Amino acid sequence: AAGGLIRDHLGRCLAAFAINLGTCSITQAELRGAVEGLQVAWDAGHRRVLVQLDSQCAVQLLQGETSDDHPYAACCFAPSPLVF
């Protein structure tokens, strides 16, 4: 499972989400949670978003700090209207 909160600049909860991912790695769950959270924020009209993750590996993948042959690199660089 993956989930998250969308908060405003004062820390007030604006939205929450949870998704069932079935069997996957921790890194996959973090990445899917980040993408889902960005989609929820985008759909709610938020365009300036700060993403916070628990997984350093997921952060490095999203920031392009891993090699192109990392198993999850392709999912982080697939064309998307969401910009990381």
N, C-alpha and C. Protein backbone atom coordinates (compact mmCIF):
# COMPACT_ATOMS: atom_id res chain seq x y z
N ALA A 1 0.84 -1.18 0.00
CA ALA A 1 0.00 0.00 0.00
C ALA A 1 0.88 1.24 0.00
N ALA A 2 0.33 2.31 -0.49
CA ALA A 2 1.01 3.61 -0.46
C ALA A 2 -0.04 4.65 -0.12
N GLY A 3 0.38 5.71 0.51
CA GLY A 3 -0.56 6.76 0.87
C GLY A 3 0.17 8.04 1.18
N GLY A 4 -0.60 9.07 1.38
CA GLY A 4 0.02 10.35 1.69
C GLY A 4 -1.01 11.40 2.04
N LEU A 5 -0.50 12.55 2.38
CA LEU A 5 -1.31 13.71 2.72
C LEU A 5 -0.91 14.88 1.84
N ILE A 6 -1.88 15.71 1.53
CA ILE A 6 -1.62 16.98 0.86
C ILE A 6 -1.90 18.04 1.91
N ARG A 7 -0.88 18.83 2.24
CA ARG A 7 -1.02 19.86 3.27
C ARG A 7 -0.76 21.24 2.67
N ASP A 8 -1.35 22.25 3.30
CA ASP A 8 -1.07 23.61 2.87
C ASP A 8 0.19 24.12 3.58
N HIS A 9 0.52 25.38 3.35
CA HIS A 9 1.74 25.95 3.91
C HIS A 9 1.72 26.06 5.43
N LEU A 10 0.55 25.92 6.04
CA LEU A 10 0.43 25.94 7.50
C LEU A 10 0.38 24.54 8.09
N GLY A 11 0.45 23.53 7.24
CA GLY A 11 0.42 22.14 7.71
C GLY A 11 -0.97 21.56 7.83
N ARG A 12 -1.99 22.30 7.42
CA ARG A 12 -3.36 21.78 7.49
C ARG A 12 -3.59 20.78 6.38
N CYS A 13 -4.25 19.68 6.71
CA CYS A 13 -4.52 18.62 5.74
C CYS A 13 -5.60 19.07 4.76
N LEU A 14 -5.27 19.04 3.48
CA LEU A 14 -6.22 19.39 2.43
C LEU A 14 -6.82 18.16 1.77
N ALA A 15 -6.05 17.09 1.72
CA ALA A 15 -6.50 15.84 1.10
C ALA A 15 -5.62 14.71 1.61
N ALA A 16 -6.15 13.51 1.51
CA ALA A 16 -5.40 12.30 1.86
C ALA A 16 -5.72 11.24 0.83
N PHE A 17 -4.81 10.30 0.65
CA PHE A 17 -5.05 9.23 -0.31
C PHE A 17 -4.35 7.97 0.15
N ALA A 18 -4.86 6.85 -0.32
CA ALA A 18 -4.24 5.54 -0.08
C ALA A 18 -4.57 4.67 -1.27
N ILE A 19 -3.59 3.88 -1.70
CA ILE A 19 -3.81 2.96 -2.81
C ILE A 19 -3.23 1.60 -2.46
N ASN A 20 -3.90 0.56 -2.93
CA ASN A 20 -3.43 -0.80 -2.75
C ASN A 20 -2.53 -1.15 -3.92
N LEU A 21 -1.30 -1.52 -3.63
CA LEU A 21 -0.33 -1.82 -4.69
C LEU A 21 -0.09 -3.30 -4.89
N GLY A 22 -0.66 -4.12 -4.03
CA GLY A 22 -0.35 -5.54 -4.13
C GLY A 22 1.07 -5.77 -3.65
N THR A 23 1.76 -6.72 -4.25
CA THR A 23 3.13 -7.02 -3.87
C THR A 23 4.10 -6.14 -4.65
N CYS A 24 4.94 -5.41 -3.93
CA CYS A 24 5.96 -4.58 -4.57
C CYS A 24 7.04 -4.26 -3.55
N SER A 25 8.12 -3.67 -4.02
CA SER A 25 9.21 -3.29 -3.13
C SER A 25 8.87 -1.98 -2.41
N ILE A 26 9.65 -1.68 -1.38
CA ILE A 26 9.47 -0.42 -0.66
C ILE A 26 9.70 0.76 -1.60
N THR A 27 10.72 0.66 -2.44
CA THR A 27 11.02 1.75 -3.37
C THR A 27 9.88 1.95 -4.36
N GLN A 28 9.33 0.86 -4.88
CA GLN A 28 8.19 0.97 -5.79
C GLN A 28 7.01 1.64 -5.09
N ALA A 29 6.75 1.27 -3.85
CA ALA A 29 5.65 1.87 -3.10
C ALA A 29 5.88 3.37 -2.90
N GLU A 30 7.10 3.76 -2.57
CA GLU A 30 7.41 5.18 -2.40
C GLU A 30 7.21 5.95 -3.71
N LEU A 31 7.70 5.38 -4.81
CA LEU A 31 7.56 6.05 -6.10
C LEU A 31 6.10 6.16 -6.52
N ARG A 32 5.35 5.08 -6.37
CA ARG A 32 3.93 5.12 -6.72
C ARG A 32 3.18 6.10 -5.84
N GLY A 33 3.52 6.15 -4.55
CA GLY A 33 2.90 7.11 -3.64
C GLY A 33 3.20 8.54 -4.04
N ALA A 34 4.44 8.80 -4.46
CA ALA A 34 4.81 10.14 -4.90
C ALA A 34 4.03 10.54 -6.14
N VAL A 35 3.96 9.66 -7.11
CA VAL A 35 3.23 9.95 -8.34
C VAL A 35 1.74 10.15 -8.05
N GLU A 36 1.16 9.28 -7.25
CA GLU A 36 -0.26 9.41 -6.90
C GLU A 36 -0.50 10.72 -6.16
N GLY A 37 0.38 11.06 -5.22
CA GLY A 37 0.24 12.31 -4.48
C GLY A 37 0.32 13.53 -5.38
N LEU A 38 1.25 13.50 -6.32
CA LEU A 38 1.35 14.61 -7.27
C LEU A 38 0.11 14.70 -8.14
N GLN A 39 -0.45 13.56 -8.51
CA GLN A 39 -1.67 13.57 -9.32
C GLN A 39 -2.84 14.14 -8.53
N VAL A 40 -2.96 13.76 -7.26
CA VAL A 40 -4.03 14.29 -6.40
C VAL A 40 -3.86 15.81 -6.26
N ALA A 41 -2.64 16.26 -6.02
CA ALA A 41 -2.38 17.70 -5.89
C ALA A 41 -2.69 18.43 -7.19
N TRP A 42 -2.25 17.87 -8.32
CA TRP A 42 -2.50 18.48 -9.63
C TRP A 42 -3.99 18.59 -9.90
N ASP A 43 -4.72 17.50 -9.65
CA ASP A 43 -6.16 17.49 -9.89
C ASP A 43 -6.89 18.50 -9.01
N ALA A 44 -6.32 18.81 -7.85
CA ALA A 44 -6.93 19.79 -6.94
C ALA A 44 -6.50 21.22 -7.29
N GLY A 45 -5.69 21.38 -8.32
CA GLY A 45 -5.30 22.70 -8.78
C GLY A 45 -4.00 23.23 -8.19
N HIS A 46 -3.30 22.42 -7.44
CA HIS A 46 -2.03 22.84 -6.84
C HIS A 46 -0.90 22.64 -7.84
N ARG A 47 -0.14 23.69 -8.10
CA ARG A 47 0.92 23.62 -9.09
C ARG A 47 2.32 23.74 -8.47
N ARG A 48 2.41 24.28 -7.29
CA ARG A 48 3.69 24.37 -6.58
C ARG A 48 3.63 23.42 -5.40
N VAL A 49 4.33 22.31 -5.51
CA VAL A 49 4.20 21.23 -4.54
C VAL A 49 5.59 20.80 -4.05
N LEU A 50 5.71 20.60 -2.76
CA LEU A 50 6.92 20.06 -2.15
C LEU A 50 6.64 18.61 -1.81
N VAL A 51 7.45 17.70 -2.33
CA VAL A 51 7.27 16.27 -2.08
C VAL A 51 8.27 15.83 -1.01
N GLN A 52 7.77 15.13 0.01
CA GLN A 52 8.63 14.57 1.05
C GLN A 52 8.46 13.06 1.06
N LEU A 53 9.58 12.35 1.02
CA LEU A 53 9.57 10.89 0.99
C LEU A 53 10.44 10.34 2.10
N ASP A 54 10.16 9.11 2.51
CA ASP A 54 10.97 8.43 3.52
C ASP A 54 12.15 7.69 2.91
N SER A 55 12.06 7.33 1.66
CA SER A 55 13.07 6.50 1.01
C SER A 55 14.12 7.34 0.29
N GLN A 56 15.36 7.28 0.75
CA GLN A 56 16.44 8.00 0.10
C GLN A 56 16.64 7.51 -1.34
N CYS A 57 16.45 6.22 -1.55
CA CYS A 57 16.58 5.65 -2.90
C CYS A 57 15.55 6.28 -3.84
N ALA A 58 14.31 6.41 -3.39
CA ALA A 58 13.26 7.01 -4.22
C ALA A 58 13.58 8.47 -4.51
N VAL A 59 14.08 9.20 -3.52
CA VAL A 59 14.46 10.60 -3.71
C VAL A 59 15.55 10.70 -4.76
N GLN A 60 16.57 9.86 -4.65
CA GLN A 60 17.67 9.88 -5.62
C GLN A 60 17.18 9.54 -7.02
N LEU A 61 16.27 8.60 -7.13
CA LEU A 61 15.71 8.26 -8.45
C LEU A 61 14.97 9.45 -9.04
N LEU A 62 14.14 10.10 -8.25
CA LEU A 62 13.35 11.23 -8.75
C LEU A 62 14.22 12.43 -9.09
N GLN A 63 15.36 12.56 -8.42
CA GLN A 63 16.26 13.68 -8.70
C GLN A 63 17.29 13.34 -9.77
N GLY A 64 17.20 12.13 -10.33
CA GLY A 64 18.12 11.73 -11.39
C GLY A 64 19.52 11.45 -10.90
N GLU A 65 19.66 11.08 -9.63
CA GLU A 65 20.98 10.85 -9.04
C GLU A 65 21.40 9.38 -9.07
N THR A 66 20.72 8.57 -9.86
CA THR A 66 21.09 7.16 -9.99
C THR A 66 21.43 6.88 -11.45
N SER A 67 22.03 5.76 -11.70
CA SER A 67 22.40 5.41 -13.07
C SER A 67 21.16 5.05 -13.89
N ASP A 68 21.29 5.20 -15.19
CA ASP A 68 20.18 4.91 -16.09
C ASP A 68 19.79 3.44 -16.09
N ASP A 69 20.69 2.57 -15.63
CA ASP A 69 20.37 1.14 -15.64
C ASP A 69 19.75 0.66 -14.33
N HIS A 70 19.40 1.59 -13.43
CA HIS A 70 18.70 1.20 -12.20
C HIS A 70 17.36 0.58 -12.60
N PRO A 71 16.92 -0.48 -11.91
CA PRO A 71 15.67 -1.16 -12.29
C PRO A 71 14.44 -0.25 -12.33
N TYR A 72 14.42 0.83 -11.55
CA TYR A 72 13.25 1.70 -11.52
C TYR A 72 13.48 3.03 -12.24
N ALA A 73 14.62 3.21 -12.87
CA ALA A 73 14.92 4.48 -13.53
C ALA A 73 13.91 4.81 -14.63
N ALA A 74 13.50 3.83 -15.39
CA ALA A 74 12.57 4.09 -16.51
C ALA A 74 11.25 4.67 -16.03
N CYS A 75 10.74 4.21 -14.91
CA CYS A 75 9.45 4.72 -14.44
C CYS A 75 9.56 6.16 -13.95
N CYS A 76 10.76 6.59 -13.58
CA CYS A 76 10.94 7.95 -13.10
C CYS A 76 11.11 8.96 -14.22
N PHE A 77 11.50 8.47 -15.39
CA PHE A 77 11.77 9.37 -16.49
C PHE A 77 10.81 9.18 -17.66
N ALA A 78 9.72 8.45 -17.43
CA ALA A 78 8.70 8.29 -18.46
C ALA A 78 8.02 9.64 -18.69
N PRO A 79 7.64 9.94 -19.92
CA PRO A 79 6.96 11.22 -20.19
C PRO A 79 5.71 11.35 -19.33
N SER A 80 5.56 12.52 -18.73
CA SER A 80 4.43 12.75 -17.83
C SER A 80 4.16 14.24 -17.77
N PRO A 81 2.90 14.65 -17.58
CA PRO A 81 2.61 16.08 -17.41
C PRO A 81 3.08 16.59 -16.05
N LEU A 82 3.44 15.67 -15.15
CA LEU A 82 3.91 16.06 -13.82
C LEU A 82 5.42 16.24 -13.87
N VAL A 83 5.90 17.37 -13.40
CA VAL A 83 7.34 17.65 -13.39
C VAL A 83 7.85 17.47 -11.98
N PHE A 84 8.95 16.72 -11.83
CA PHE A 84 9.53 16.48 -10.51
C PHE A 84 10.60 17.50 -10.24
